[in-house]
Structure formats: C-alpha cells, structure tokens
Amino acid sequence: MRSLLCIAASLILLPIFVSGCKKPAEVTSTAVQPAGDVKTFTIRGKVVSVDTSKGSVMLDHEAIPGFMDAMTMSYPLKDKSLAGEFHPGDRILATLLVRKTSDGWEDPQLDKIVVTAQGKPDYKPAVDYHVPEEGDSVPDFKLTNQNGKTIHLDQYKGKALLLTFIYTRCPMQDYCPKMNHNFAEVDKSLAADPALYARTHLLSISFDPKNDTPAVLKRYGQAYQGDRTGFLHWEFAVPPQKELKPLTEWFDVGISDSPDGSITHSLSTVLIGKDGKVAAYYPSNEWTPAEVVQKIKSVA
C-alpha cells in the first residue's frame, strides 16, 4: 500500500497538495532554473536524508535511462522551501532538471515531485495504492475503446491480456512512447503464431480522459500499429472520469497534473491470465518485449 503526496512547482506560484490533510496552500516561489539548454529526466528513488538549510535531499535512486546509473547522491530542490515536506524513507517520483553544457551536465534540480510512499507518515492518506500481485483477481473495470465502444476487463477472460497505462501527450520517450513501441514488438511477435495470437489480447489504457477521446486514441494507436489488425488484437481505451481513480489506484499508477499541462506518472504493465487473475506485474520501463512474450506463452 502507498500514499500519494503531489508537490508541483512553478516559477511564480507554487501549489502544495497534501492528500487528505488540508486544502491546497499557495506559496510564493523564487526558484529559477539557471539559463542553458535544460533537459528533463524522470527519477525514482528513496530519500536517505534531508538538508533543510540547503534545500536538498540525499536520494538513493534507480538508474535514469539515457542519463546515469543507479546511485546515491544529493539533489537540490527547485524550490528549496519544500525540503521540510520530505522525510528519510520517503519514496519519490520526480522530474530531474539539468543543463547541457559543453563540459557535460550541470545544475541538477528536482521538480514536480510525487511521494509514492512515506517513510514517516505525517497525515492520514486519502489514497492507498494497491500493488498488483500474482493471483490477485482483477476488478471488472469498464472503459471506452478507440471506436467509442464500451468494453470491460472481464470480457477478455479466456485469453491472456497484457495491459499498460499511457497518455497520448506524454513527452517522456522512456515512458509512454517506449511502452507503445514495446507493445508493438509484442504484438508483432505474437502474430507470428496464429494460434497464440488468438489466445491473447493487448490493451493500452489512457489515464487522461479529458484529452484522450476515442478519436484521439484511434489516431494515436494507428501511429504505432497501423491498420494491420484494425485494433482487433491491440486496443486503446480510456476510463470514464469517475472510474479513473479506482482504476489507477488498483493498478498502482501514480498520476499528478503538472502546471505545464503534462502529467507526472508512474508506470504499470500487467499480464492477466485467462482466469482474470494477475500473472505478472512490471512496474518500470525495464522489461523487454522478448521476456514478456515468453511469459505470455507460459500463461496462454
């Protein structure tokens, strides 16, 4: 189980959202990112210590694809006044801002921070995230697919269902676009075995119902799979707004709206067996199409 604390920083006005504790409070921020070619990366890790005097956190983080290996190091916060919001043991998802210079990368700062699990809870969480485990029975969530048709997860019982979470405006190449490319590879591999293909199904679920209408999802999906199957084997779908919260909480998808209109989010890819129960859970972008296809074969 985990709680969610969203802290989204902007250059002028900083809203702090503390789930289940108080209404949003506004704090003026004077933090300014140094001039230069600023690049962004997604970073996940565990807070080791906090230095409120410097406005920084020591973070034991996972590998950052395209940037650096896993390590433990100190990172300044874009808004240093937020340091007091964190505690050792907190697990966070954040955007890492760095400047590209002729000498390498400089001025790292953490922004758009989501605390996915608290090391020292200081409020009663309003959200408890379920982490999918093998054998869990998956609820029969309802969705609308790219053709505007209502679908629900139980209709795929009897097949091995591989699903993941995306949104069409995602700017992070190692997140939603990577999931789509991986699914395209999985789809292609399964198609090589007609019998296996008939016993499997793929589903990409958007967590952005406001923008990802069926028409948008259809155009988006065609860009990755073309017209080869007509979405018969790989569908794109979105839940109604009222179903978004229970759906993302059950599948362990942390989402937080950012001031620039993007969505900071975690990843979740789940393989559901023919019996409607979780067969495998992939919480990162490190899985490969080959290993997932092999797992699908063992399930289907």
C-alpha atoms as a PDB file:
ATOM      1  CA  MET A   1       0.000   0.000   0.000  1.00  0.00           C
ATOM      2  CA  ARG A   2       1.211   3.513  -0.538  1.00  0.00           C
ATOM      3  CA  SER A   3       0.035   7.077  -0.162  1.00  0.00           C
ATOM      4  CA  LEU A   4       0.397   9.887  -2.658  1.00  0.00           C
ATOM      5  CA  LEU A   5       1.647  13.398  -1.976  1.00  0.00           C
ATOM      6  CA  CYS A   6       1.890  15.681  -5.002  1.00  0.00           C
ATOM      7  CA  ILE A   7       4.160  18.711  -4.977  1.00  0.00           C
ATOM      8  CA  ALA A   8       4.205  20.588  -8.278  1.00  0.00           C
ATOM      9  CA  ALA A   9       6.494  23.605  -8.554  1.00  0.00           C
ATOM     10  CA  SER A  10       6.163  26.576 -10.893  1.00  0.00           C
ATOM     11  CA  LEU A  11       8.292  29.677 -11.320  1.00  0.00           C
ATOM     12  CA  ILE A  12       5.765  32.102  -9.800  1.00  0.00           C
ATOM     13  CA  LEU A  13       3.051  30.345  -7.847  1.00  0.00           C
ATOM     14  CA  LEU A  14       3.522  27.059  -6.035  1.00  0.00           C
ATOM     15  CA  PRO A  15       0.519  24.968  -5.009  1.00  0.00           C
ATOM     16  CA  ILE A  16       1.214  22.260  -2.415  1.00  0.00           C
ATOM     17  CA  PHE A  17      -1.230  19.356  -2.365  1.00  0.00           C
ATOM     18  CA  VAL A  18      -1.283  17.188   0.764  1.00  0.00           C
ATOM     19  CA  SER A  19      -3.809  14.392   0.261  1.00  0.00           C
ATOM     20  CA  GLY A  20      -6.424  14.056   2.958  1.00  0.00           C
ATOM     21  CA  CYS A  21      -4.892  16.705   5.185  1.00  0.00           C
ATOM     22  CA  LYS A  22      -5.752  20.220   4.134  1.00  0.00           C
ATOM     23  CA  LYS A  23      -6.847  22.375   1.267  1.00  0.00           C
ATOM     24  CA  PRO A  24      -4.177  23.472  -1.231  1.00  0.00           C
ATOM     25  CA  ALA A  25      -1.986  26.223   0.182  1.00  0.00           C
ATOM     26  CA  GLU A  26      -0.271  28.748  -2.027  1.00  0.00           C
ATOM     27  CA  VAL A  27       3.384  29.599  -1.513  1.00  0.00           C
ATOM     28  CA  THR A  28       5.409  32.105  -3.499  1.00  0.00           C
ATOM     29  CA  SER A  29       8.464  30.542  -5.124  1.00  0.00           C
ATOM     30  CA  THR A  30      11.529  32.471  -6.234  1.00  0.00           C
ATOM     31  CA  ALA A  31      13.360  29.394  -7.550  1.00  0.00           C
ATOM     32  CA  VAL A  32      14.754  29.941 -11.039  1.00  0.00           C
ATOM     33  CA  GLN A  33      16.429  27.310 -13.182  1.00  0.00           C
ATOM     34  CA  PRO A  34      19.821  28.601 -14.478  1.00  0.00           C
ATOM     35  CA  ALA A  35      19.925  29.595 -18.132  1.00  0.00           C
ATOM     36  CA  GLY A  36      21.034  26.982 -20.625  1.00  0.00           C
ATOM     37  CA  ASP A  37      19.783  24.047 -22.605  1.00  0.00           C
ATOM     38  CA  VAL A  38      17.606  22.440 -19.923  1.00  0.00           C
ATOM     39  CA  LYS A  39      16.870  18.725 -20.264  1.00  0.00           C
ATOM     40  CA  THR A  40      14.427  16.685 -18.206  1.00  0.00           C
ATOM     41  CA  PHE A  41      14.634  13.110 -16.981  1.00  0.00           C
ATOM     42  CA  THR A  42      12.347  11.044 -14.767  1.00  0.00           C
ATOM     43  CA  ILE A  43      13.902   9.925 -11.496  1.00  0.00           C
ATOM     44  CA  ARG A  44      12.657   7.433  -8.871  1.00  0.00           C
ATOM     45  CA  GLY A  45      14.282   6.711  -5.557  1.00  0.00           C
ATOM     46  CA  LYS A  46      14.282   6.681  -1.764  1.00  0.00           C
ATOM     47  CA  VAL A  47      15.106   9.715   0.357  1.00  0.00           C
ATOM     48  CA  VAL A  48      18.143   8.957   2.550  1.00  0.00           C
ATOM     49  CA  SER A  49      18.376  12.328   4.300  1.00  0.00           C
ATOM     50  CA  VAL A  50      17.108  15.895   4.043  1.00  0.00           C
ATOM     51  CA  ASP A  51      19.126  19.120   4.383  1.00  0.00           C
ATOM     52  CA  THR A  52      16.592  21.874   5.034  1.00  0.00           C
ATOM     53  CA  SER A  53      19.328  24.533   5.296  1.00  0.00           C
ATOM     54  CA  LYS A  54      20.439  23.838   1.725  1.00  0.00           C
ATOM     55  CA  GLY A  55      17.044  22.803   0.394  1.00  0.00           C
ATOM     56  CA  SER A  56      18.276  19.437  -0.857  1.00  0.00           C
ATOM     57  CA  VAL A  57      17.703  15.714  -0.419  1.00  0.00           C
ATOM     58  CA  MET A  58      20.111  12.802  -0.462  1.00  0.00           C
ATOM     59  CA  LEU A  59      18.492  10.300  -2.818  1.00  0.00           C
ATOM     60  CA  ASP A  60      19.193   6.612  -3.363  1.00  0.00           C
ATOM     61  CA  HIS A  61      17.774   6.418  -6.877  1.00  0.00           C
ATOM     62  CA  GLU A  62      17.257   3.898  -9.633  1.00  0.00           C
ATOM     63  CA  ALA A  63      19.046   4.102 -12.978  1.00  0.00           C
ATOM     64  CA  ILE A  64      17.910   7.076 -15.058  1.00  0.00           C
ATOM     65  CA  PRO A  65      17.558   5.832 -18.652  1.00  0.00           C
ATOM     66  CA  GLY A  66      19.677   7.870 -21.021  1.00  0.00           C
ATOM     67  CA  PHE A  67      21.403   9.774 -18.226  1.00  0.00           C
ATOM     68  CA  MET A  68      23.081   7.864 -15.395  1.00  0.00           C
ATOM     69  CA  ASP A  69      23.266   4.592 -13.496  1.00  0.00           C
ATOM     70  CA  ALA A  70      21.684   3.950 -10.122  1.00  0.00           C
ATOM     71  CA  MET A  71      23.493   5.718  -7.278  1.00  0.00           C
ATOM     72  CA  THR A  72      23.108   7.715  -4.083  1.00  0.00           C
ATOM     73  CA  MET A  73      23.744  11.458  -4.287  1.00  0.00           C
ATOM     74  CA  SER A  74      22.412  14.825  -3.133  1.00  0.00           C
ATOM     75  CA  TYR A  75      19.973  16.783  -5.298  1.00  0.00           C
ATOM     76  CA  PRO A  76      18.877  20.406  -4.742  1.00  0.00           C
ATOM     77  CA  LEU A  77      15.147  21.051  -4.916  1.00  0.00           C
ATOM     78  CA  LYS A  78      13.924  23.577  -7.470  1.00  0.00           C
ATOM     79  CA  ASP A  79      12.018  25.187  -4.599  1.00  0.00           C
ATOM     80  CA  LYS A  80      14.242  24.799  -1.558  1.00  0.00           C
ATOM     81  CA  SER A  81      11.441  25.738   0.834  1.00  0.00           C
ATOM     82  CA  LEU A  82       9.847  22.342   0.212  1.00  0.00           C
ATOM     83  CA  ALA A  83      12.672  20.408   1.881  1.00  0.00           C
ATOM     84  CA  GLY A  84      10.717  20.215   5.137  1.00  0.00           C
ATOM     85  CA  GLU A  85       7.964  18.255   3.366  1.00  0.00           C
ATOM     86  CA  PHE A  86      10.190  15.187   2.985  1.00  0.00           C
ATOM     87  CA  HIS A  87      11.475  12.570   5.417  1.00  0.00           C
ATOM     88  CA  PRO A  88      14.107   9.810   5.250  1.00  0.00           C
ATOM     89  CA  GLY A  89      12.472   6.703   3.863  1.00  0.00           C
ATOM     90  CA  ASP A  90      10.081   8.541   1.544  1.00  0.00           C
ATOM     91  CA  ARG A  91       9.970   7.061  -1.945  1.00  0.00           C
ATOM     92  CA  ILE A  92       9.600   9.666  -4.658  1.00  0.00           C
ATOM     93  CA  LEU A  93       8.956  10.070  -8.367  1.00  0.00           C
ATOM     94  CA  ALA A  94      10.204  13.389  -9.771  1.00  0.00           C
ATOM     95  CA  THR A  95      11.426  15.316 -12.784  1.00  0.00           C
ATOM     96  CA  LEU A  96      15.174  15.940 -12.812  1.00  0.00           C
ATOM     97  CA  LEU A  97      16.170  19.210 -14.492  1.00  0.00           C
ATOM     98  CA  VAL A  98      19.757  19.544 -15.747  1.00  0.00           C
ATOM     99  CA  ARG A  99      21.592  21.925 -18.071  1.00  0.00           C
ATOM    100  CA  LYS A 100      23.512  20.542 -21.023  1.00  0.00           C
ATOM    101  CA  THR A 101      26.831  22.313 -21.449  1.00  0.00           C
ATOM    102  CA  SER A 102      29.994  21.715 -23.445  1.00  0.00           C
ATOM    103  CA  ASP A 103      31.503  20.127 -20.332  1.00  0.00           C
ATOM    104  CA  GLY A 104      28.577  17.812 -19.629  1.00  0.00           C
ATOM    105  CA  TRP A 105      25.579  18.219 -17.320  1.00  0.00           C
ATOM    106  CA  GLU A 106      25.278  20.915 -14.664  1.00  0.00           C
ATOM    107  CA  ASP A 107      22.878  22.367 -12.084  1.00  0.00           C
ATOM    108  CA  PRO A 108      20.656  19.333 -11.323  1.00  0.00           C
ATOM    109  CA  GLN A 109      17.353  20.183  -9.622  1.00  0.00           C
ATOM    110  CA  LEU A 110      14.313  18.149  -8.616  1.00  0.00           C
ATOM    111  CA  ASP A 111      10.887  19.367  -9.712  1.00  0.00           C
ATOM    112  CA  LYS A 112       7.301  18.007  -9.913  1.00  0.00           C
ATOM    113  CA  ILE A 113       7.826  15.611  -7.026  1.00  0.00           C
ATOM    114  CA  VAL A 114       5.366  12.840  -6.205  1.00  0.00           C
ATOM    115  CA  VAL A 115       5.856  10.989  -2.907  1.00  0.00           C
ATOM    116  CA  THR A 116       4.664   7.473  -3.696  1.00  0.00           C
ATOM    117  CA  ALA A 117       5.295   6.069  -0.203  1.00  0.00           C
ATOM    118  CA  GLN A 118       6.009   7.841   3.057  1.00  0.00           C
ATOM    119  CA  GLY A 119       8.794   6.830   5.395  1.00  0.00           C
ATOM    120  CA  LYS A 120       7.248   8.912   8.198  1.00  0.00           C
ATOM    121  CA  PRO A 121       3.543   9.494   7.611  1.00  0.00           C
ATOM    122  CA  ASP A 122       2.501  12.909   8.915  1.00  0.00           C
ATOM    123  CA  TYR A 123      -1.067  12.895   7.640  1.00  0.00           C
ATOM    124  CA  LYS A 124      -3.872  10.440   7.111  1.00  0.00           C
ATOM    125  CA  PRO A 125      -3.583   9.414   3.450  1.00  0.00           C
ATOM    126  CA  ALA A 126      -6.666   9.687   1.294  1.00  0.00           C
ATOM    127  CA  VAL A 127      -5.231   7.240  -1.218  1.00  0.00           C
ATOM    128  CA  ASP A 128      -3.972   3.704  -0.697  1.00  0.00           C
ATOM    129  CA  TYR A 129      -2.426   2.192  -3.802  1.00  0.00           C
ATOM    130  CA  HIS A 130      -2.823  -1.496  -4.463  1.00  0.00           C
ATOM    131  CA  VAL A 131       0.311  -3.179  -5.804  1.00  0.00           C
ATOM    132  CA  PRO A 132      -0.745  -5.983  -8.191  1.00  0.00           C
ATOM    133  CA  GLU A 133       0.490  -9.385  -7.084  1.00  0.00           C
ATOM    134  CA  GLU A 134       0.321 -12.734  -8.803  1.00  0.00           C
ATOM    135  CA  GLY A 135      -3.028 -14.368  -8.130  1.00  0.00           C
ATOM    136  CA  ASP A 136      -4.958 -11.145  -7.464  1.00  0.00           C
ATOM    137  CA  SER A 137      -8.411 -11.147  -9.064  1.00  0.00           C
ATOM    138  CA  VAL A 138      -8.684  -8.107 -11.334  1.00  0.00           C
ATOM    139  CA  PRO A 139     -11.849  -5.986 -10.956  1.00  0.00           C
ATOM    140  CA  ASP A 140     -14.105  -5.715 -13.998  1.00  0.00           C
ATOM    141  CA  PHE A 141     -13.249  -2.117 -14.860  1.00  0.00           C
ATOM    142  CA  LYS A 142     -15.229  -0.519 -17.695  1.00  0.00           C
ATOM    143  CA  LEU A 143     -13.577   1.523 -20.449  1.00  0.00           C
ATOM    144  CA  THR A 144     -14.349   3.139 -23.794  1.00  0.00           C
ATOM    145  CA  ASN A 145     -12.151   1.994 -26.668  1.00  0.00           C
ATOM    146  CA  GLN A 146     -10.849   3.845 -29.715  1.00  0.00           C
ATOM    147  CA  ASN A 147     -14.072   3.127 -31.598  1.00  0.00           C
ATOM    148  CA  GLY A 148     -16.265   4.612 -28.873  1.00  0.00           C
ATOM    149  CA  LYS A 149     -17.407   1.151 -27.780  1.00  0.00           C
ATOM    150  CA  THR A 150     -17.816   0.260 -24.100  1.00  0.00           C
ATOM    151  CA  ILE A 151     -15.562  -2.615 -23.087  1.00  0.00           C
ATOM    152  CA  HIS A 152     -14.785  -4.223 -19.735  1.00  0.00           C
ATOM    153  CA  LEU A 153     -11.902  -6.359 -18.498  1.00  0.00           C
ATOM    154  CA  ASP A 154     -13.939  -9.493 -17.786  1.00  0.00           C
ATOM    155  CA  GLN A 155     -14.772  -9.849 -21.477  1.00  0.00           C
ATOM    156  CA  TYR A 156     -11.177 -10.921 -22.097  1.00  0.00           C
ATOM    157  CA  LYS A 157     -11.347 -13.907 -19.759  1.00  0.00           C
ATOM    158  CA  GLY A 158     -10.232 -16.993 -21.631  1.00  0.00           C
ATOM    159  CA  LYS A 159      -7.335 -15.044 -23.136  1.00  0.00           C
ATOM    160  CA  ALA A 160      -4.061 -13.748 -21.753  1.00  0.00           C
ATOM    161  CA  LEU A 161      -4.485  -9.962 -21.511  1.00  0.00           C
ATOM    162  CA  LEU A 162      -1.452  -7.667 -21.427  1.00  0.00           C
ATOM    163  CA  LEU A 163      -2.316  -4.110 -20.430  1.00  0.00           C
ATOM    164  CA  THR A 164      -0.347  -0.952 -19.759  1.00  0.00           C
ATOM    165  CA  PHE A 165      -1.029   2.715 -18.952  1.00  0.00           C
ATOM    166  CA  ILE A 166      -0.226   5.701 -21.165  1.00  0.00           C
ATOM    167  CA  TYR A 167      -1.463   9.112 -22.227  1.00  0.00           C
ATOM    168  CA  THR A 168      -1.134  10.471 -25.738  1.00  0.00           C
ATOM    169  CA  ARG A 169       0.570  13.767 -24.837  1.00  0.00           C
ATOM    170  CA  CYS A 170       3.388  12.114 -22.861  1.00  0.00           C
ATOM    171  CA  PRO A 171       6.691  13.891 -23.685  1.00  0.00           C
ATOM    172  CA  MET A 172       8.979  11.348 -21.993  1.00  0.00           C
ATOM    173  CA  GLN A 173      10.351   8.961 -24.615  1.00  0.00           C
ATOM    174  CA  ASP A 174      11.256   6.363 -21.987  1.00  0.00           C
ATOM    175  CA  TYR A 175       7.708   6.300 -20.657  1.00  0.00           C
ATOM    176  CA  CYS A 176       4.537   6.123 -22.783  1.00  0.00           C
ATOM    177  CA  PRO A 177       6.257   6.059 -26.212  1.00  0.00           C
ATOM    178  CA  LYS A 178       8.520   3.249 -25.010  1.00  0.00           C
ATOM    179  CA  MET A 179       5.532   1.276 -23.723  1.00  0.00           C
ATOM    180  CA  ASN A 180       3.872   1.671 -27.132  1.00  0.00           C
ATOM    181  CA  HIS A 181       6.970   0.558 -29.032  1.00  0.00           C
ATOM    182  CA  ASN A 182       7.307  -2.429 -26.693  1.00  0.00           C
ATOM    183  CA  PHE A 183       3.660  -3.351 -27.215  1.00  0.00           C
ATOM    184  CA  ALA A 184       4.135  -3.083 -30.987  1.00  0.00           C
ATOM    185  CA  GLU A 185       7.013  -5.559 -30.728  1.00  0.00           C
ATOM    186  CA  VAL A 186       4.945  -7.887 -28.538  1.00  0.00           C
ATOM    187  CA  ASP A 187       2.029  -7.679 -30.966  1.00  0.00           C
ATOM    188  CA  LYS A 188       4.288  -8.481 -33.920  1.00  0.00           C
ATOM    189  CA  SER A 189       5.872 -11.439 -32.126  1.00  0.00           C
ATOM    190  CA  LEU A 190       2.522 -12.914 -31.125  1.00  0.00           C
ATOM    191  CA  ALA A 191       1.186 -12.504 -34.682  1.00  0.00           C
ATOM    192  CA  ALA A 192       3.878 -14.904 -35.885  1.00  0.00           C
ATOM    193  CA  ASP A 193       1.972 -17.703 -34.119  1.00  0.00           C
ATOM    194  CA  PRO A 194      -1.710 -17.545 -35.216  1.00  0.00           C
ATOM    195  CA  ALA A 195      -2.845 -19.976 -32.535  1.00  0.00           C
ATOM    196  CA  LEU A 196      -1.135 -17.992 -29.782  1.00  0.00           C
ATOM    197  CA  TYR A 197      -2.360 -14.736 -31.310  1.00  0.00           C
ATOM    198  CA  ALA A 198      -5.955 -15.921 -30.995  1.00  0.00           C
ATOM    199  CA  ARG A 199      -5.470 -16.642 -27.285  1.00  0.00           C
ATOM    200  CA  THR A 200      -4.035 -13.226 -26.398  1.00  0.00           C
ATOM    201  CA  HIS A 201      -5.022  -9.564 -26.371  1.00  0.00           C
ATOM    202  CA  LEU A 202      -3.266  -6.218 -25.760  1.00  0.00           C
ATOM    203  CA  LEU A 203      -4.769  -3.122 -24.173  1.00  0.00           C
ATOM    204  CA  SER A 204      -3.264   0.348 -23.697  1.00  0.00           C
ATOM    205  CA  ILE A 205      -5.234   2.423 -21.181  1.00  0.00           C
ATOM    206  CA  SER A 206      -5.056   6.212 -21.029  1.00  0.00           C
ATOM    207  CA  PHE A 207      -5.341   7.978 -17.660  1.00  0.00           C
ATOM    208  CA  ASP A 208      -6.202  11.287 -19.374  1.00  0.00           C
ATOM    209  CA  PRO A 209      -9.953  11.072 -20.106  1.00  0.00           C
ATOM    210  CA  LYS A 210     -10.217  14.849 -20.552  1.00  0.00           C
ATOM    211  CA  ASN A 211      -7.967  14.882 -23.619  1.00  0.00           C
ATOM    212  CA  ASP A 212      -7.763  11.283 -24.832  1.00  0.00           C
ATOM    213  CA  THR A 213     -11.109  10.890 -26.543  1.00  0.00           C
ATOM    214  CA  PRO A 214     -11.803   7.769 -28.631  1.00  0.00           C
ATOM    215  CA  ALA A 215     -10.959   9.709 -31.827  1.00  0.00           C
ATOM    216  CA  VAL A 216      -7.619  10.855 -30.360  1.00  0.00           C
ATOM    217  CA  LEU A 217      -6.792   7.334 -29.196  1.00  0.00           C
ATOM    218  CA  LYS A 218      -7.630   5.931 -32.618  1.00  0.00           C
ATOM    219  CA  ARG A 219      -5.234   8.255 -34.422  1.00  0.00           C
ATOM    220  CA  TYR A 220      -2.600   7.687 -31.763  1.00  0.00           C
ATOM    221  CA  GLY A 221      -2.925   3.911 -31.864  1.00  0.00           C
ATOM    222  CA  GLN A 222      -2.711   3.787 -35.656  1.00  0.00           C
ATOM    223  CA  ALA A 223       0.630   5.565 -35.484  1.00  0.00           C
ATOM    224  CA  TYR A 224       2.031   2.588 -33.571  1.00  0.00           C
ATOM    225  CA  GLN A 225       0.191  -0.384 -35.044  1.00  0.00           C
ATOM    226  CA  GLY A 226      -1.021   0.966 -38.388  1.00  0.00           C
ATOM    227  CA  ASP A 227      -4.063  -0.627 -39.986  1.00  0.00           C
ATOM    228  CA  ARG A 228      -2.653  -4.141 -39.899  1.00  0.00           C
ATOM    229  CA  THR A 229      -5.168  -5.510 -37.391  1.00  0.00           C
ATOM    230  CA  GLY A 230      -7.762  -2.760 -37.172  1.00  0.00           C
ATOM    231  CA  PHE A 231      -7.427  -2.817 -33.345  1.00  0.00           C
ATOM    232  CA  LEU A 232      -8.786  -6.377 -33.246  1.00  0.00           C
ATOM    233  CA  HIS A 233      -5.828  -7.563 -31.177  1.00  0.00           C
ATOM    234  CA  TRP A 234      -4.444  -4.374 -29.638  1.00  0.00           C
ATOM    235  CA  GLU A 235      -6.931  -1.812 -28.368  1.00  0.00           C
ATOM    236  CA  PHE A 236      -6.539   1.671 -26.907  1.00  0.00           C
ATOM    237  CA  ALA A 237      -9.083   2.712 -24.301  1.00  0.00           C
ATOM    238  CA  VAL A 238      -9.873   5.277 -21.620  1.00  0.00           C
ATOM    239  CA  PRO A 239     -11.980   5.038 -18.448  1.00  0.00           C
ATOM    240  CA  PRO A 240     -14.804   7.460 -17.652  1.00  0.00           C
ATOM    241  CA  GLN A 241     -13.645  10.183 -15.262  1.00  0.00           C
ATOM    242  CA  LYS A 242     -15.472   8.591 -12.298  1.00  0.00           C
ATOM    243  CA  GLU A 243     -13.625   5.291 -12.871  1.00  0.00           C
ATOM    244  CA  LEU A 244     -10.162   6.844 -13.223  1.00  0.00           C
ATOM    245  CA  LYS A 245      -9.294   6.967  -9.516  1.00  0.00           C
ATOM    246  CA  PRO A 246     -10.212   3.371  -8.584  1.00  0.00           C
ATOM    247  CA  LEU A 247      -8.620   2.077 -11.801  1.00  0.00           C
ATOM    248  CA  THR A 248      -5.257   3.810 -11.337  1.00  0.00           C
ATOM    249  CA  GLU A 249      -5.169   3.045  -7.610  1.00  0.00           C
ATOM    250  CA  TRP A 250      -5.765  -0.667  -8.186  1.00  0.00           C
ATOM    251  CA  PHE A 251      -3.053  -0.908 -10.846  1.00  0.00           C
ATOM    252  CA  ASP A 252      -0.577   1.196  -8.804  1.00  0.00           C
ATOM    253  CA  VAL A 253      -0.432   4.124 -11.257  1.00  0.00           C
ATOM    254  CA  GLY A 254       0.518   7.373  -9.518  1.00  0.00           C
ATOM    255  CA  ILE A 255      -0.561  10.433 -11.511  1.00  0.00           C
ATOM    256  CA  SER A 256      -0.171  14.142 -10.811  1.00  0.00           C
ATOM    257  CA  ASP A 257      -1.118  17.086 -13.028  1.00  0.00           C
ATOM    258  CA  SER A 258       1.743  19.496 -13.697  1.00  0.00           C
ATOM    259  CA  PRO A 259       1.476  23.274 -14.230  1.00  0.00           C
ATOM    260  CA  ASP A 260       2.601  22.930 -17.849  1.00  0.00           C
ATOM    261  CA  GLY A 261      -0.332  20.633 -18.639  1.00  0.00           C
ATOM    262  CA  SER A 262       1.672  17.416 -18.644  1.00  0.00           C
ATOM    263  CA  ILE A 263       1.073  14.542 -16.215  1.00  0.00           C
ATOM    264  CA  THR A 264       3.767  13.204 -13.924  1.00  0.00           C
ATOM    265  CA  HIS A 265       3.119   9.488 -13.596  1.00  0.00           C
ATOM    266  CA  SER A 266       4.494   6.107 -12.703  1.00  0.00           C
ATOM    267  CA  LEU A 267       4.426   3.044 -14.937  1.00  0.00           C
ATOM    268  CA  SER A 268       2.408  -0.133 -14.647  1.00  0.00           C
ATOM    269  CA  THR A 269       2.202  -3.046 -17.066  1.00  0.00           C
ATOM    270  CA  VAL A 270       0.203  -6.105 -16.009  1.00  0.00           C
ATOM    271  CA  LEU A 271      -0.292  -9.523 -17.561  1.00  0.00           C
ATOM    272  CA  ILE A 272      -3.689 -11.008 -16.684  1.00  0.00           C
ATOM    273  CA  GLY A 273      -4.208 -14.726 -17.124  1.00  0.00           C
ATOM    274  CA  LYS A 274      -7.136 -16.496 -18.758  1.00  0.00           C
ATOM    275  CA  ASP A 275      -8.777 -16.762 -15.328  1.00  0.00           C
ATOM    276  CA  GLY A 276      -8.850 -12.978 -14.867  1.00  0.00           C
ATOM    277  CA  LYS A 277      -6.071 -13.004 -12.262  1.00  0.00           C
ATOM    278  CA  VAL A 278      -2.716 -11.218 -12.261  1.00  0.00           C
ATOM    279  CA  ALA A 279       0.003 -13.394 -13.789  1.00  0.00           C
ATOM    280  CA  ALA A 280       2.824 -10.823 -13.826  1.00  0.00           C
ATOM    281  CA  TYR A 281       3.392  -7.174 -12.888  1.00  0.00           C
ATOM    282  CA  TYR A 282       6.024  -4.857 -14.405  1.00  0.00           C
ATOM    283  CA  PRO A 283       6.271  -1.520 -12.509  1.00  0.00           C
ATOM    284  CA  SER A 284       9.005   0.086 -14.613  1.00  0.00           C
ATOM    285  CA  ASN A 285      10.232   0.551 -18.179  1.00  0.00           C
ATOM    286  CA  GLU A 286      12.960  -2.066 -17.838  1.00  0.00           C
ATOM    287  CA  TRP A 287      11.023  -5.059 -19.176  1.00  0.00           C
ATOM    288  CA  THR A 288      11.696  -6.248 -22.707  1.00  0.00           C
ATOM    289  CA  PRO A 289       9.214  -7.482 -25.325  1.00  0.00           C
ATOM    290  CA  ALA A 290      11.058 -10.808 -25.511  1.00  0.00           C
ATOM    291  CA  GLU A 291      10.704 -11.605 -21.801  1.00  0.00           C
ATOM    292  CA  VAL A 292       7.051 -10.588 -21.748  1.00  0.00           C
ATOM    293  CA  VAL A 293       6.264 -12.679 -24.835  1.00  0.00           C
ATOM    294  CA  GLN A 294       7.876 -15.658 -23.126  1.00  0.00           C
ATOM    295  CA  LYS A 295       5.722 -15.069 -20.043  1.00  0.00           C
ATOM    296  CA  ILE A 296       2.606 -14.718 -22.200  1.00  0.00           C
ATOM    297  CA  LYS A 297       3.346 -18.056 -23.831  1.00  0.00           C
ATOM    298  CA  SER A 298       3.520 -19.727 -20.428  1.00  0.00           C
ATOM    299  CA  VAL A 299       0.175 -18.190 -19.455  1.00  0.00           C
ATOM    300  CA  ALA A 300      -1.751 -18.529 -22.717  1.00  0.00           C
END
